[in-house]
Amino acid sequence: MSNSLLTYKKKKKLGSFPYVSMIFSIALALFVIGLFGLLILQSNKLKDSIQENIAIQIYLDKSVTENDIIRINKLLKQKRYVLKEGDNSSVEFVSKEDAAKVFIERTGEDFIEFLGDNPLRDAFSVKIDPAYQQVDSLQNIKSDLGKIDSVFEIAYAQNLVQSINKNITKISLVLIGFTLVLLITIVVLINNTIKLALFSQRFLIRSMQLVGAKAGFIIAPFLRRAARHGIVAGMLASALLFILLTYANSVVEELKQLQSLNELLVLFGFMLALGLIIGMMSTYRAVKKYLKMSLDELY
């Protein structure tokens, strides 16, 4: 009896599942991809913030009237390429008096007193929808705005727009490339981790096979365990990422402006789903592999 009990304990030890190390390995891999996902989200937010602040300056004739200003303001808000915002702040009127005050405050020089007149013009600052910020589109917008009565000149930082578009394209390609490489690496890492974890189960799988257990019956408990481990690893990785994000926000408060609660929840959900799916798929493949092996191959 004691020998049988000893044999059972040895078998149980031989078939033990190193779930702690596996969960930690998967969680670490998911944390890395979550960290990179967070970098992508914040990069997109920063890109959107930069693009939403690109504006065209519309300078008006000096003879412009109050009615002309109201008319032009209405026309601008109706343009499809003007950025749509809830408070309509994408179209802003700047009077020549206000422009002079800002200039004097920044330079400390009262040019009106020196010149005896205010040479500045009333103007509109119009933010352009990012979808229309290509060079050709901006040229068409400039031509269209120039047809409005009482408009004297249209100006925008063309070189700046070209530089921003060029850099955004480069950064996007680099991020996409890194994301694909990282995702493949993480999948391979998790897959190998699970294979190593199941290596100690290969004789237990064969024993169940020899007593007549069907493949589905053998695989099912491994898949359930893999699902639990994947979810736990995803939750652990999400918790670590949230702690890191909270600390980063306390150090750099401006980071909060680049974050969206909905996007963060989607990222955490993606990490959970990725841990669950990869864990179950890798487990299924590993168990199927051991089911097909001969006894000599198992050794």
C-alpha atoms as a PDB file:
ATOM      1  CA  MET A   1       0.000   0.000   0.000  1.00  0.00           C
ATOM      2  CA  SER A   2       2.777   2.389   0.925  1.00  0.00           C
ATOM      3  CA  ASN A   3       4.619   1.581  -2.321  1.00  0.00           C
ATOM      4  CA  SER A   4       1.466   2.332  -4.329  1.00  0.00           C
ATOM      5  CA  LEU A   5       1.007   5.631  -2.507  1.00  0.00           C
ATOM      6  CA  LEU A   6       4.636   6.532  -3.145  1.00  0.00           C
ATOM      7  CA  THR A   7       4.247   5.698  -6.827  1.00  0.00           C
ATOM      8  CA  TYR A   8       1.085   7.855  -7.022  1.00  0.00           C
ATOM      9  CA  LYS A   9       2.857  10.815  -5.439  1.00  0.00           C
ATOM     10  CA  LYS A  10       5.745  10.485  -7.861  1.00  0.00           C
ATOM     11  CA  LYS A  11       3.338  10.347 -10.778  1.00  0.00           C
ATOM     12  CA  LYS A  12       1.455  13.326  -9.447  1.00  0.00           C
ATOM     13  CA  LYS A  13       4.708  15.233  -9.073  1.00  0.00           C
ATOM     14  CA  LEU A  14       5.787  14.180 -12.546  1.00  0.00           C
ATOM     15  CA  GLY A  15       2.514  15.428 -13.966  1.00  0.00           C
ATOM     16  CA  SER A  16       2.418  18.653 -11.961  1.00  0.00           C
ATOM     17  CA  PHE A  17       1.738  21.824 -13.931  1.00  0.00           C
ATOM     18  CA  PRO A  18       4.155  24.735 -13.345  1.00  0.00           C
ATOM     19  CA  TYR A  19       1.351  27.285 -13.603  1.00  0.00           C
ATOM     20  CA  VAL A  20       2.990  30.015 -11.491  1.00  0.00           C
ATOM     21  CA  SER A  21       6.008  30.396 -13.762  1.00  0.00           C
ATOM     22  CA  MET A  22       3.821  30.073 -16.857  1.00  0.00           C
ATOM     23  CA  ILE A  23       1.392  32.770 -15.689  1.00  0.00           C
ATOM     24  CA  PHE A  24       4.271  35.069 -14.822  1.00  0.00           C
ATOM     25  CA  SER A  25       5.935  34.509 -18.224  1.00  0.00           C
ATOM     26  CA  ILE A  26       2.699  35.132 -20.136  1.00  0.00           C
ATOM     27  CA  ALA A  27       1.881  38.186 -18.000  1.00  0.00           C
ATOM     28  CA  LEU A  28       5.334  39.645 -18.644  1.00  0.00           C
ATOM     29  CA  ALA A  29       4.941  39.119 -22.396  1.00  0.00           C
ATOM     30  CA  LEU A  30       1.467  40.691 -22.369  1.00  0.00           C
ATOM     31  CA  PHE A  31       2.761  43.609 -20.290  1.00  0.00           C
ATOM     32  CA  VAL A  32       5.415  44.354 -22.928  1.00  0.00           C
ATOM     33  CA  ILE A  33       2.892  44.343 -25.758  1.00  0.00           C
ATOM     34  CA  GLY A  34       0.465  46.388 -23.636  1.00  0.00           C
ATOM     35  CA  LEU A  35       3.197  48.945 -22.975  1.00  0.00           C
ATOM     36  CA  PHE A  36       3.887  49.226 -26.682  1.00  0.00           C
ATOM     37  CA  GLY A  37       0.148  49.439 -27.392  1.00  0.00           C
ATOM     38  CA  LEU A  38      -0.079  52.317 -24.930  1.00  0.00           C
ATOM     39  CA  LEU A  39       2.794  54.044 -26.738  1.00  0.00           C
ATOM     40  CA  ILE A  40       0.917  53.710 -30.044  1.00  0.00           C
ATOM     41  CA  LEU A  41      -2.313  55.095 -28.543  1.00  0.00           C
ATOM     42  CA  GLN A  42      -0.556  58.097 -27.046  1.00  0.00           C
ATOM     43  CA  SER A  43       1.384  58.706 -30.263  1.00  0.00           C
ATOM     44  CA  ASN A  44      -1.901  58.784 -32.179  1.00  0.00           C
ATOM     45  CA  LYS A  45      -3.377  61.209 -29.642  1.00  0.00           C
ATOM     46  CA  LEU A  46      -0.336  63.456 -29.959  1.00  0.00           C
ATOM     47  CA  LYS A  47      -0.563  63.295 -33.753  1.00  0.00           C
ATOM     48  CA  ASP A  48      -4.272  64.197 -33.650  1.00  0.00           C
ATOM     49  CA  SER A  49      -3.577  67.054 -31.244  1.00  0.00           C
ATOM     50  CA  ILE A  50      -0.896  68.479 -33.558  1.00  0.00           C
ATOM     51  CA  GLN A  51      -3.076  68.150 -36.654  1.00  0.00           C
ATOM     52  CA  GLU A  52      -6.125  69.681 -34.982  1.00  0.00           C
ATOM     53  CA  ASN A  53      -4.102  72.806 -34.214  1.00  0.00           C
ATOM     54  CA  ILE A  54      -3.025  73.409 -37.805  1.00  0.00           C
ATOM     55  CA  ALA A  55      -4.868  76.568 -38.857  1.00  0.00           C
ATOM     56  CA  ILE A  56      -5.200  78.830 -41.865  1.00  0.00           C
ATOM     57  CA  GLN A  57      -5.092  82.600 -41.322  1.00  0.00           C
ATOM     58  CA  ILE A  58      -7.612  84.594 -43.352  1.00  0.00           C
ATOM     59  CA  TYR A  59      -6.776  88.312 -43.442  1.00  0.00           C
ATOM     60  CA  LEU A  60      -9.624  90.675 -44.345  1.00  0.00           C
ATOM     61  CA  ASP A  61      -9.776  93.927 -46.266  1.00  0.00           C
ATOM     62  CA  LYS A  62      -9.288  97.061 -44.169  1.00  0.00           C
ATOM     63  CA  SER A  63     -12.663  98.286 -45.373  1.00  0.00           C
ATOM     64  CA  VAL A  64     -14.459  95.206 -44.040  1.00  0.00           C
ATOM     65  CA  THR A  65     -17.724  95.916 -42.168  1.00  0.00           C
ATOM     66  CA  GLU A  66     -19.367  94.202 -39.207  1.00  0.00           C
ATOM     67  CA  ASN A  67     -21.908  92.608 -41.545  1.00  0.00           C
ATOM     68  CA  ASP A  68     -19.080  91.279 -43.729  1.00  0.00           C
ATOM     69  CA  ILE A  69     -17.449  89.680 -40.701  1.00  0.00           C
ATOM     70  CA  ILE A  70     -20.723  87.974 -39.694  1.00  0.00           C
ATOM     71  CA  ARG A  71     -21.267  86.769 -43.277  1.00  0.00           C
ATOM     72  CA  ILE A  72     -17.741  85.369 -43.605  1.00  0.00           C
ATOM     73  CA  ASN A  73     -18.002  83.686 -40.215  1.00  0.00           C
ATOM     74  CA  LYS A  74     -21.172  81.840 -41.309  1.00  0.00           C
ATOM     75  CA  LEU A  75     -19.607  80.842 -44.618  1.00  0.00           C
ATOM     76  CA  LEU A  76     -16.520  79.437 -42.944  1.00  0.00           C
ATOM     77  CA  LYS A  77     -18.502  77.288 -40.508  1.00  0.00           C
ATOM     78  CA  GLN A  78     -20.338  75.722 -43.442  1.00  0.00           C
ATOM     79  CA  LYS A  79     -17.163  74.613 -45.229  1.00  0.00           C
ATOM     80  CA  ARG A  80     -16.693  70.830 -45.184  1.00  0.00           C
ATOM     81  CA  TYR A  81     -12.922  71.100 -44.643  1.00  0.00           C
ATOM     82  CA  VAL A  82     -13.253  73.204 -41.477  1.00  0.00           C
ATOM     83  CA  LEU A  83     -12.700  71.152 -38.330  1.00  0.00           C
ATOM     84  CA  LYS A  84     -16.038  70.514 -36.617  1.00  0.00           C
ATOM     85  CA  GLU A  85     -15.996  71.106 -32.880  1.00  0.00           C
ATOM     86  CA  GLY A  86     -18.831  71.196 -30.372  1.00  0.00           C
ATOM     87  CA  ASP A  87     -18.302  74.827 -29.411  1.00  0.00           C
ATOM     88  CA  ASN A  88     -17.434  75.974 -32.971  1.00  0.00           C
ATOM     89  CA  SER A  89     -14.077  77.241 -31.687  1.00  0.00           C
ATOM     90  CA  SER A  90     -12.419  75.954 -34.868  1.00  0.00           C
ATOM     91  CA  VAL A  91     -13.374  79.290 -36.457  1.00  0.00           C
ATOM     92  CA  GLU A  92     -11.995  82.174 -34.432  1.00  0.00           C
ATOM     93  CA  PHE A  93     -12.213  85.866 -35.278  1.00  0.00           C
ATOM     94  CA  VAL A  94      -9.254  88.024 -34.235  1.00  0.00           C
ATOM     95  CA  SER A  95      -9.734  91.769 -34.527  1.00  0.00           C
ATOM     96  CA  LYS A  96      -6.786  93.985 -35.438  1.00  0.00           C
ATOM     97  CA  GLU A  97      -7.051  95.637 -31.999  1.00  0.00           C
ATOM     98  CA  ASP A  98      -6.735  92.269 -30.226  1.00  0.00           C
ATOM     99  CA  ALA A  99      -3.867  91.261 -32.517  1.00  0.00           C
ATOM    100  CA  ALA A 100      -2.067  94.521 -31.676  1.00  0.00           C
ATOM    101  CA  LYS A 101      -2.489  93.940 -27.927  1.00  0.00           C
ATOM    102  CA  VAL A 102      -1.045  90.430 -28.201  1.00  0.00           C
ATOM    103  CA  PHE A 103       1.903  91.697 -30.261  1.00  0.00           C
ATOM    104  CA  ILE A 104       2.644  94.501 -27.783  1.00  0.00           C
ATOM    105  CA  GLU A 105       2.426  92.114 -24.814  1.00  0.00           C
ATOM    106  CA  ARG A 106       4.831  89.648 -26.425  1.00  0.00           C
ATOM    107  CA  THR A 107       7.392  92.165 -27.717  1.00  0.00           C
ATOM    108  CA  GLY A 108       6.998  94.972 -25.205  1.00  0.00           C
ATOM    109  CA  GLU A 109       7.050  97.512 -28.049  1.00  0.00           C
ATOM    110  CA  ASP A 110       4.100  99.791 -28.837  1.00  0.00           C
ATOM    111  CA  PHE A 111       4.368  99.928 -32.624  1.00  0.00           C
ATOM    112  CA  ILE A 112       1.039 101.816 -32.905  1.00  0.00           C
ATOM    113  CA  GLU A 113       2.476 104.778 -31.008  1.00  0.00           C
ATOM    114  CA  PHE A 114       5.568 104.687 -33.235  1.00  0.00           C
ATOM    115  CA  LEU A 115       3.667 104.374 -36.525  1.00  0.00           C
ATOM    116  CA  GLY A 116       0.649 106.433 -35.525  1.00  0.00           C
ATOM    117  CA  ASP A 117      -1.678 103.765 -36.895  1.00  0.00           C
ATOM    118  CA  ASN A 118      -2.478 100.062 -36.578  1.00  0.00           C
ATOM    119  CA  PRO A 119      -1.244  98.353 -39.778  1.00  0.00           C
ATOM    120  CA  LEU A 120      -2.667  94.970 -38.776  1.00  0.00           C
ATOM    121  CA  ARG A 121      -5.850  93.528 -40.261  1.00  0.00           C
ATOM    122  CA  ASP A 122      -8.923  91.795 -38.900  1.00  0.00           C
ATOM    123  CA  ALA A 123      -8.517  88.080 -39.436  1.00  0.00           C
ATOM    124  CA  PHE A 124     -10.049  84.639 -38.977  1.00  0.00           C
ATOM    125  CA  SER A 125      -8.059  81.681 -37.696  1.00  0.00           C
ATOM    126  CA  VAL A 126      -9.585  78.494 -39.091  1.00  0.00           C
ATOM    127  CA  LYS A 127      -8.603  74.992 -37.981  1.00  0.00           C
ATOM    128  CA  ILE A 128      -8.592  72.471 -40.811  1.00  0.00           C
ATOM    129  CA  ASP A 129      -9.894  68.908 -40.575  1.00  0.00           C
ATOM    130  CA  PRO A 130      -6.923  66.451 -40.611  1.00  0.00           C
ATOM    131  CA  ALA A 131      -8.496  64.677 -43.609  1.00  0.00           C
ATOM    132  CA  TYR A 132      -7.822  67.818 -45.691  1.00  0.00           C
ATOM    133  CA  GLN A 133      -4.287  68.563 -44.541  1.00  0.00           C
ATOM    134  CA  GLN A 134      -2.451  67.191 -47.559  1.00  0.00           C
ATOM    135  CA  VAL A 135      -0.496  69.764 -49.550  1.00  0.00           C
ATOM    136  CA  ASP A 136      -2.812  69.604 -52.596  1.00  0.00           C
ATOM    137  CA  SER A 137      -5.925  69.856 -50.443  1.00  0.00           C
ATOM    138  CA  LEU A 138      -4.597  72.893 -48.594  1.00  0.00           C
ATOM    139  CA  GLN A 139      -3.803  74.609 -51.893  1.00  0.00           C
ATOM    140  CA  ASN A 140      -7.391  73.983 -53.058  1.00  0.00           C
ATOM    141  CA  ILE A 141      -8.699  75.292 -49.730  1.00  0.00           C
ATOM    142  CA  LYS A 142      -6.571  78.417 -50.099  1.00  0.00           C
ATOM    143  CA  SER A 143      -8.002  79.033 -53.582  1.00  0.00           C
ATOM    144  CA  ASP A 144     -11.559  78.440 -52.370  1.00  0.00           C
ATOM    145  CA  LEU A 145     -11.225  80.841 -49.429  1.00  0.00           C
ATOM    146  CA  GLY A 146      -9.634  83.460 -51.650  1.00  0.00           C
ATOM    147  CA  LYS A 147     -12.893  83.701 -53.632  1.00  0.00           C
ATOM    148  CA  ILE A 148     -14.805  85.031 -50.625  1.00  0.00           C
ATOM    149  CA  ASP A 149     -15.600  88.740 -50.813  1.00  0.00           C
ATOM    150  CA  SER A 150     -13.637  91.030 -48.445  1.00  0.00           C
ATOM    151  CA  VAL A 151     -10.827  88.468 -48.052  1.00  0.00           C
ATOM    152  CA  PHE A 152      -7.432  90.087 -48.576  1.00  0.00           C
ATOM    153  CA  GLU A 153      -4.957  87.233 -48.102  1.00  0.00           C
ATOM    154  CA  ILE A 154      -4.760  83.557 -47.075  1.00  0.00           C
ATOM    155  CA  ALA A 155      -1.720  82.311 -45.189  1.00  0.00           C
ATOM    156  CA  TYR A 156      -0.596  79.072 -43.535  1.00  0.00           C
ATOM    157  CA  ALA A 157       2.705  77.447 -42.596  1.00  0.00           C
ATOM    158  CA  GLN A 158       3.141  75.318 -45.710  1.00  0.00           C
ATOM    159  CA  ASN A 159       6.623  74.024 -44.799  1.00  0.00           C
ATOM    160  CA  LEU A 160       5.431  73.097 -41.316  1.00  0.00           C
ATOM    161  CA  VAL A 161       2.463  71.160 -42.724  1.00  0.00           C
ATOM    162  CA  GLN A 162       4.712  69.281 -45.152  1.00  0.00           C
ATOM    163  CA  SER A 163       7.161  68.446 -42.375  1.00  0.00           C
ATOM    164  CA  ILE A 164       4.400  67.223 -40.042  1.00  0.00           C
ATOM    165  CA  ASN A 165       2.810  65.020 -42.715  1.00  0.00           C
ATOM    166  CA  LYS A 166       6.172  63.562 -43.692  1.00  0.00           C
ATOM    167  CA  ASN A 167       7.200  62.792 -40.101  1.00  0.00           C
ATOM    168  CA  ILE A 168       3.786  61.342 -39.203  1.00  0.00           C
ATOM    169  CA  THR A 169       4.023  58.948 -42.157  1.00  0.00           C
ATOM    170  CA  LYS A 170       7.508  57.820 -41.125  1.00  0.00           C
ATOM    171  CA  ILE A 171       6.551  57.358 -37.480  1.00  0.00           C
ATOM    172  CA  SER A 172       3.407  55.416 -38.418  1.00  0.00           C
ATOM    173  CA  LEU A 173       5.369  53.010 -40.622  1.00  0.00           C
ATOM    174  CA  VAL A 174       7.980  52.471 -37.900  1.00  0.00           C
ATOM    175  CA  LEU A 175       5.321  51.831 -35.242  1.00  0.00           C
ATOM    176  CA  ILE A 176       3.432  49.396 -37.480  1.00  0.00           C
ATOM    177  CA  GLY A 177       6.660  47.520 -38.229  1.00  0.00           C
ATOM    178  CA  PHE A 178       7.647  47.293 -34.570  1.00  0.00           C
ATOM    179  CA  THR A 179       4.121  46.232 -33.615  1.00  0.00           C
ATOM    180  CA  LEU A 180       4.114  43.316 -36.076  1.00  0.00           C
ATOM    181  CA  VAL A 181       7.587  42.164 -35.000  1.00  0.00           C
ATOM    182  CA  LEU A 182       6.707  42.476 -31.322  1.00  0.00           C
ATOM    183  CA  LEU A 183       3.379  40.679 -31.740  1.00  0.00           C
ATOM    184  CA  ILE A 184       5.023  37.762 -33.551  1.00  0.00           C
ATOM    185  CA  THR A 185       7.759  37.601 -30.903  1.00  0.00           C
ATOM    186  CA  ILE A 186       5.216  37.595 -28.067  1.00  0.00           C
ATOM    187  CA  VAL A 187       3.125  34.862 -29.718  1.00  0.00           C
ATOM    188  CA  VAL A 188       6.221  32.675 -30.192  1.00  0.00           C
ATOM    189  CA  LEU A 189       7.363  33.355 -26.612  1.00  0.00           C
ATOM    190  CA  ILE A 190       3.994  32.434 -25.093  1.00  0.00           C
ATOM    191  CA  ASN A 191       3.728  29.384 -27.354  1.00  0.00           C
ATOM    192  CA  ASN A 192       7.165  28.098 -26.297  1.00  0.00           C
ATOM    193  CA  THR A 193       6.427  28.795 -22.627  1.00  0.00           C
ATOM    194  CA  ILE A 194       3.271  26.687 -22.760  1.00  0.00           C
ATOM    195  CA  LYS A 195       5.028  23.900 -24.661  1.00  0.00           C
ATOM    196  CA  LEU A 196       7.710  23.728 -21.972  1.00  0.00           C
ATOM    197  CA  ALA A 197       5.059  23.768 -19.249  1.00  0.00           C
ATOM    198  CA  LEU A 198       3.205  20.869 -20.861  1.00  0.00           C
ATOM    199  CA  PHE A 199       6.374  18.854 -21.436  1.00  0.00           C
ATOM    200  CA  SER A 200       6.031  17.317 -17.968  1.00  0.00           C
ATOM    201  CA  GLN A 201       2.480  16.241 -18.850  1.00  0.00           C
ATOM    202  CA  ARG A 202       3.376  14.128 -21.864  1.00  0.00           C
ATOM    203  CA  PHE A 203       3.387  10.787 -19.989  1.00  0.00           C
ATOM    204  CA  LEU A 204       0.151  11.624 -18.203  1.00  0.00           C
ATOM    205  CA  ILE A 205      -1.415  12.368 -21.588  1.00  0.00           C
ATOM    206  CA  ARG A 206      -0.181   9.012 -22.932  1.00  0.00           C
ATOM    207  CA  SER A 207      -1.510   7.208 -19.839  1.00  0.00           C
ATOM    208  CA  MET A 208      -4.955   8.672 -20.364  1.00  0.00           C
ATOM    209  CA  GLN A 209      -4.732   7.665 -24.019  1.00  0.00           C
ATOM    210  CA  LEU A 210      -3.849   4.064 -23.118  1.00  0.00           C
ATOM    211  CA  VAL A 211      -6.882   3.655 -20.835  1.00  0.00           C
ATOM    212  CA  GLY A 212      -9.137   4.590 -23.758  1.00  0.00           C
ATOM    213  CA  ALA A 213      -9.776   8.306 -23.184  1.00  0.00           C
ATOM    214  CA  LYS A 214     -10.861  10.206 -26.304  1.00  0.00           C
ATOM    215  CA  ALA A 215      -8.722  13.087 -27.595  1.00  0.00           C
ATOM    216  CA  GLY A 216     -11.424  15.647 -26.773  1.00  0.00           C
ATOM    217  CA  PHE A 217     -11.722  14.316 -23.206  1.00  0.00           C
ATOM    218  CA  ILE A 218      -7.944  14.617 -22.729  1.00  0.00           C
ATOM    219  CA  ILE A 219      -7.642  18.090 -24.285  1.00  0.00           C
ATOM    220  CA  ALA A 220     -10.643  19.675 -22.512  1.00  0.00           C
ATOM    221  CA  PRO A 221      -9.137  20.044 -18.992  1.00  0.00           C
ATOM    222  CA  PHE A 222      -5.918  21.433 -20.438  1.00  0.00           C
ATOM    223  CA  LEU A 223      -7.879  24.037 -22.417  1.00  0.00           C
ATOM    224  CA  ARG A 224      -9.901  25.052 -19.348  1.00  0.00           C
ATOM    225  CA  ARG A 225      -6.717  25.440 -17.359  1.00  0.00           C
ATOM    226  CA  ALA A 226      -5.083  27.387 -20.191  1.00  0.00           C
ATOM    227  CA  ALA A 227      -8.112  29.711 -20.368  1.00  0.00           C
ATOM    228  CA  ARG A 228      -7.890  30.434 -16.630  1.00  0.00           C
ATOM    229  CA  HIS A 229      -4.149  31.005 -16.814  1.00  0.00           C
ATOM    230  CA  GLY A 230      -4.516  33.295 -19.838  1.00  0.00           C
ATOM    231  CA  ILE A 231      -7.157  35.428 -18.109  1.00  0.00           C
ATOM    232  CA  VAL A 232      -5.138  35.643 -14.875  1.00  0.00           C
ATOM    233  CA  ALA A 233      -2.007  36.585 -16.830  1.00  0.00           C
ATOM    234  CA  GLY A 234      -3.958  39.222 -18.778  1.00  0.00           C
ATOM    235  CA  MET A 235      -5.367  40.695 -15.558  1.00  0.00           C
ATOM    236  CA  LEU A 236      -1.922  40.741 -13.955  1.00  0.00           C
ATOM    237  CA  ALA A 237      -0.376  42.424 -17.012  1.00  0.00           C
ATOM    238  CA  SER A 238      -3.214  44.988 -17.109  1.00  0.00           C
ATOM    239  CA  ALA A 239      -2.745  45.729 -13.399  1.00  0.00           C
ATOM    240  CA  LEU A 240       1.006  46.264 -13.862  1.00  0.00           C
ATOM    241  CA  LEU A 241       0.379  48.530 -16.849  1.00  0.00           C
ATOM    242  CA  PHE A 242      -2.228  50.529 -14.904  1.00  0.00           C
ATOM    243  CA  ILE A 243       0.175  50.995 -11.979  1.00  0.00           C
ATOM    244  CA  LEU A 244       2.927  52.166 -14.329  1.00  0.00           C
ATOM    245  CA  LEU A 245       0.521  54.520 -16.110  1.00  0.00           C
ATOM    246  CA  THR A 246      -0.698  55.991 -12.808  1.00  0.00           C
ATOM    247  CA  TYR A 247       2.877  56.640 -11.716  1.00  0.00           C
ATOM    248  CA  ALA A 248       3.769  58.212 -15.075  1.00  0.00           C
ATOM    249  CA  ASN A 249       0.732  60.515 -14.854  1.00  0.00           C
ATOM    250  CA  SER A 250       1.776  61.647 -11.365  1.00  0.00           C
ATOM    251  CA  VAL A 251       5.236  62.550 -12.675  1.00  0.00           C
ATOM    252  CA  VAL A 252       4.164  64.087 -16.022  1.00  0.00           C
ATOM    253  CA  GLU A 253       0.647  65.535 -15.706  1.00  0.00           C
ATOM    254  CA  GLU A 254       0.464  66.402 -19.425  1.00  0.00           C
ATOM    255  CA  LEU A 255       0.291  62.675 -20.234  1.00  0.00           C
ATOM    256  CA  LYS A 256      -3.340  62.636 -19.089  1.00  0.00           C
ATOM    257  CA  GLN A 257      -4.265  64.762 -22.098  1.00  0.00           C
ATOM    258  CA  LEU A 258      -3.035  61.972 -24.387  1.00  0.00           C
ATOM    259  CA  GLN A 259      -5.151  59.284 -22.728  1.00  0.00           C
ATOM    260  CA  SER A 260      -8.701  58.128 -23.284  1.00  0.00           C
ATOM    261  CA  LEU A 261     -10.491  55.892 -20.762  1.00  0.00           C
ATOM    262  CA  ASN A 262     -12.323  54.013 -23.516  1.00  0.00           C
ATOM    263  CA  GLU A 263      -9.089  53.334 -25.409  1.00  0.00           C
ATOM    264  CA  LEU A 264      -7.380  52.120 -22.228  1.00  0.00           C
ATOM    265  CA  LEU A 265     -10.287  49.753 -21.507  1.00  0.00           C
ATOM    266  CA  VAL A 266     -10.043  48.422 -25.070  1.00  0.00           C
ATOM    267  CA  LEU A 267      -6.286  47.900 -24.606  1.00  0.00           C
ATOM    268  CA  PHE A 268      -6.813  46.016 -21.330  1.00  0.00           C
ATOM    269  CA  GLY A 269      -9.533  43.929 -22.971  1.00  0.00           C
ATOM    270  CA  PHE A 270      -7.203  43.169 -25.875  1.00  0.00           C
ATOM    271  CA  MET A 271      -4.514  41.966 -23.458  1.00  0.00           C
ATOM    272  CA  LEU A 272      -7.010  39.663 -21.726  1.00  0.00           C
ATOM    273  CA  ALA A 273      -8.264  38.305 -25.039  1.00  0.00           C
ATOM    274  CA  LEU A 274      -4.726  37.834 -26.384  1.00  0.00           C
ATOM    275  CA  GLY A 275      -3.654  35.897 -23.284  1.00  0.00           C
ATOM    276  CA  LEU A 276      -6.780  33.737 -23.479  1.00  0.00           C
ATOM    277  CA  ILE A 277      -6.608  33.003 -27.229  1.00  0.00           C
ATOM    278  CA  ILE A 278      -2.859  32.384 -27.498  1.00  0.00           C
ATOM    279  CA  GLY A 279      -2.884  30.306 -24.300  1.00  0.00           C
ATOM    280  CA  MET A 280      -5.683  28.046 -25.524  1.00  0.00           C
ATOM    281  CA  MET A 281      -4.330  27.718 -29.068  1.00  0.00           C
ATOM    282  CA  SER A 282      -0.804  26.927 -27.897  1.00  0.00           C
ATOM    283  CA  THR A 283      -2.102  24.417 -25.352  1.00  0.00           C
ATOM    284  CA  TYR A 284      -4.292  22.732 -27.954  1.00  0.00           C
ATOM    285  CA  ARG A 285      -1.380  22.400 -30.383  1.00  0.00           C
ATOM    286  CA  ALA A 286       0.978  21.094 -27.670  1.00  0.00           C
ATOM    287  CA  VAL A 287      -1.457  18.444 -26.400  1.00  0.00           C
ATOM    288  CA  LYS A 288      -2.310  17.342 -29.949  1.00  0.00           C
ATOM    289  CA  LYS A 289       1.398  17.004 -30.637  1.00  0.00           C
ATOM    290  CA  TYR A 290       1.912  14.733 -27.625  1.00  0.00           C
ATOM    291  CA  LEU A 291      -1.160  12.685 -28.543  1.00  0.00           C
ATOM    292  CA  LYS A 292       0.386  11.894 -31.930  1.00  0.00           C
ATOM    293  CA  MET A 293       3.844  11.022 -30.610  1.00  0.00           C
ATOM    294  CA  SER A 294       5.056   7.465 -30.303  1.00  0.00           C
ATOM    295  CA  LEU A 295       6.376   6.190 -26.992  1.00  0.00           C
ATOM    296  CA  ASP A 296       9.972   6.415 -28.230  1.00  0.00           C
ATOM    297  CA  GLU A 297       9.433  10.074 -29.225  1.00  0.00           C
ATOM    298  CA  LEU A 298       8.009  10.869 -25.795  1.00  0.00           C
ATOM    299  CA  TYR A 299      11.255   9.700 -24.222  1.00  0.00           C
END
